């Protein structure tokens, strides 16, 4: 009975062993399919991508308009007329 130990090494191995035979079996680069990177975004990821494209919120403008609405001075005849014209242009 022979005991070889935990590594099971049976002596020196030749340098031109089975590794060289595997190298000769590789296919040539012209036969390989080109490597392509692909990216697939989930619907949530697509939505988050669109959110990043939105312009920044102008907090000072929002605060001013909120104050005007609360004071009752935001809605003027001129602003309503412009809004109505834009709506009609968009519809028609």
C-alpha atoms as a PDB file:
ATOM      1  CA  UNK A   1       0.000   0.000   0.000  1.00  0.00           C
ATOM      2  CA  UNK A   2       1.264   3.469  -0.912  1.00  0.00           C
ATOM      3  CA  UNK A   3       0.320   6.678   0.891  1.00  0.00           C
ATOM      4  CA  UNK A   4       0.793   9.801  -1.263  1.00  0.00           C
ATOM      5  CA  UNK A   5      -0.331  12.494   1.201  1.00  0.00           C
ATOM      6  CA  UNK A   6      -2.967  15.220   0.795  1.00  0.00           C
ATOM      7  CA  UNK A   7      -1.585  16.719  -2.435  1.00  0.00           C
ATOM      8  CA  UNK A   8      -1.452  13.492  -4.500  1.00  0.00           C
ATOM      9  CA  UNK A   9       1.715  14.613  -6.346  1.00  0.00           C
ATOM     10  CA  UNK A  10       3.360  11.618  -7.986  1.00  0.00           C
ATOM     11  CA  UNK A  11       6.665  13.158  -8.924  1.00  0.00           C
ATOM     12  CA  UNK A  12       7.940  15.617 -11.488  1.00  0.00           C
ATOM     13  CA  UNK A  13       5.702  16.307 -14.476  1.00  0.00           C
ATOM     14  CA  UNK A  14       6.963  17.208 -17.944  1.00  0.00           C
ATOM     15  CA  UNK A  15       6.576  20.831 -19.098  1.00  0.00           C
ATOM     16  CA  UNK A  16       5.111  19.783 -22.429  1.00  0.00           C
ATOM     17  CA  UNK A  17       2.342  17.802 -20.839  1.00  0.00           C
ATOM     18  CA  UNK A  18      -1.369  17.928 -21.604  1.00  0.00           C
ATOM     19  CA  UNK A  19      -1.467  21.737 -21.509  1.00  0.00           C
ATOM     20  CA  UNK A  20       0.194  22.120 -24.883  1.00  0.00           C
ATOM     21  CA  UNK A  21      -2.310  19.837 -26.572  1.00  0.00           C
ATOM     22  CA  UNK A  22      -5.132  22.105 -25.356  1.00  0.00           C
ATOM     23  CA  UNK A  23      -3.473  25.209 -26.777  1.00  0.00           C
ATOM     24  CA  UNK A  24      -3.504  23.748 -30.279  1.00  0.00           C
ATOM     25  CA  UNK A  25      -7.257  23.087 -30.081  1.00  0.00           C
ATOM     26  CA  UNK A  26      -8.338  26.721 -29.763  1.00  0.00           C
ATOM     27  CA  UNK A  27     -10.266  28.113 -32.676  1.00  0.00           C
ATOM     28  CA  UNK A  28      -8.834  30.893 -34.752  1.00  0.00           C
ATOM     29  CA  UNK A  29     -10.042  34.448 -34.065  1.00  0.00           C
ATOM     30  CA  UNK A  30     -11.916  34.602 -37.375  1.00  0.00           C
ATOM     31  CA  UNK A  31     -14.149  31.703 -36.305  1.00  0.00           C
ATOM     32  CA  UNK A  32     -15.083  33.169 -32.926  1.00  0.00           C
ATOM     33  CA  UNK A  33     -18.185  35.259 -32.478  1.00  0.00           C
ATOM     34  CA  UNK A  34     -17.357  38.856 -31.564  1.00  0.00           C
ATOM     35  CA  UNK A  35     -17.786  39.734 -27.922  1.00  0.00           C
ATOM     36  CA  UNK A  36     -20.604  42.224 -27.413  1.00  0.00           C
ATOM     37  CA  UNK A  37     -21.549  44.121 -24.301  1.00  0.00           C
ATOM     38  CA  UNK A  38     -25.253  44.546 -23.684  1.00  0.00           C
ATOM     39  CA  UNK A  39     -27.170  46.588 -21.157  1.00  0.00           C
ATOM     40  CA  UNK A  40     -30.797  45.926 -20.320  1.00  0.00           C
ATOM     41  CA  UNK A  41     -32.577  48.431 -18.088  1.00  0.00           C
ATOM     42  CA  UNK A  42     -35.699  47.497 -16.202  1.00  0.00           C
ATOM     43  CA  UNK A  43     -38.719  49.805 -16.533  1.00  0.00           C
ATOM     44  CA  UNK A  44     -37.842  51.290 -13.129  1.00  0.00           C
ATOM     45  CA  UNK A  45     -34.280  51.889 -14.304  1.00  0.00           C
ATOM     46  CA  UNK A  46     -35.563  53.585 -17.458  1.00  0.00           C
ATOM     47  CA  UNK A  47     -37.792  55.838 -15.354  1.00  0.00           C
ATOM     48  CA  UNK A  48     -34.896  56.749 -13.068  1.00  0.00           C
ATOM     49  CA  UNK A  49     -32.802  57.563 -16.137  1.00  0.00           C
ATOM     50  CA  UNK A  50     -35.506  59.989 -17.290  1.00  0.00           C
ATOM     51  CA  UNK A  51     -35.707  61.561 -13.817  1.00  0.00           C
ATOM     52  CA  UNK A  52     -32.000  62.414 -14.010  1.00  0.00           C
ATOM     53  CA  UNK A  53     -32.666  64.325 -17.254  1.00  0.00           C
ATOM     54  CA  UNK A  54     -35.249  66.604 -15.624  1.00  0.00           C
ATOM     55  CA  UNK A  55     -34.122  70.144 -14.910  1.00  0.00           C
ATOM     56  CA  UNK A  56     -33.426  71.181 -11.337  1.00  0.00           C
ATOM     57  CA  UNK A  57     -36.289  72.642  -9.326  1.00  0.00           C
ATOM     58  CA  UNK A  58     -35.995  76.381  -8.849  1.00  0.00           C
ATOM     59  CA  UNK A  59     -36.992  76.551  -5.192  1.00  0.00           C
ATOM     60  CA  UNK A  60     -36.964  80.344  -5.115  1.00  0.00           C
ATOM     61  CA  UNK A  61     -39.450  80.546  -8.001  1.00  0.00           C
ATOM     62  CA  UNK A  62     -41.700  77.875  -6.470  1.00  0.00           C
ATOM     63  CA  UNK A  63     -41.703  79.699  -3.121  1.00  0.00           C
ATOM     64  CA  UNK A  64     -42.558  83.030  -4.799  1.00  0.00           C
ATOM     65  CA  UNK A  65     -45.439  81.533  -6.791  1.00  0.00           C
ATOM     66  CA  UNK A  66     -46.814  79.737  -3.710  1.00  0.00           C
ATOM     67  CA  UNK A  67     -46.769  83.012  -1.812  1.00  0.00           C
ATOM     68  CA  UNK A  68     -48.561  84.795  -4.691  1.00  0.00           C
ATOM     69  CA  UNK A  69     -51.207  82.055  -4.855  1.00  0.00           C
ATOM     70  CA  UNK A  70     -51.741  82.247  -1.078  1.00  0.00           C
ATOM     71  CA  UNK A  71     -52.070  86.041  -1.285  1.00  0.00           C
ATOM     72  CA  UNK A  72     -54.473  85.809  -4.229  1.00  0.00           C
ATOM     73  CA  UNK A  73     -52.244  87.875  -6.533  1.00  0.00           C
ATOM     74  CA  UNK A  74     -50.955  85.126  -8.842  1.00  0.00           C
ATOM     75  CA  UNK A  75     -53.911  84.764 -11.176  1.00  0.00           C
ATOM     76  CA  UNK A  76     -54.231  87.911 -13.268  1.00  0.00           C
ATOM     77  CA  UNK A  77     -56.251  88.523 -16.433  1.00  0.00           C
ATOM     78  CA  UNK A  78     -53.067  88.720 -18.514  1.00  0.00           C
ATOM     79  CA  UNK A  79     -51.743  85.368 -17.228  1.00  0.00           C
ATOM     80  CA  UNK A  80     -55.103  83.670 -17.793  1.00  0.00           C
ATOM     81  CA  UNK A  81     -55.280  85.073 -21.335  1.00  0.00           C
ATOM     82  CA  UNK A  82     -51.757  83.803 -22.165  1.00  0.00           C
ATOM     83  CA  UNK A  83     -52.581  80.384 -20.708  1.00  0.00           C
ATOM     84  CA  UNK A  84     -55.816  80.200 -22.722  1.00  0.00           C
ATOM     85  CA  UNK A  85     -54.001  81.167 -25.952  1.00  0.00           C
ATOM     86  CA  UNK A  86     -51.324  78.515 -25.356  1.00  0.00           C
ATOM     87  CA  UNK A  87     -53.985  75.899 -24.661  1.00  0.00           C
ATOM     88  CA  UNK A  88     -55.874  76.757 -27.861  1.00  0.00           C
ATOM     89  CA  UNK A  89     -52.638  76.688 -29.886  1.00  0.00           C
ATOM     90  CA  UNK A  90     -51.812  73.262 -28.492  1.00  0.00           C
ATOM     91  CA  UNK A  91     -55.278  71.847 -29.154  1.00  0.00           C
ATOM     92  CA  UNK A  92     -55.743  73.373 -32.597  1.00  0.00           C
END
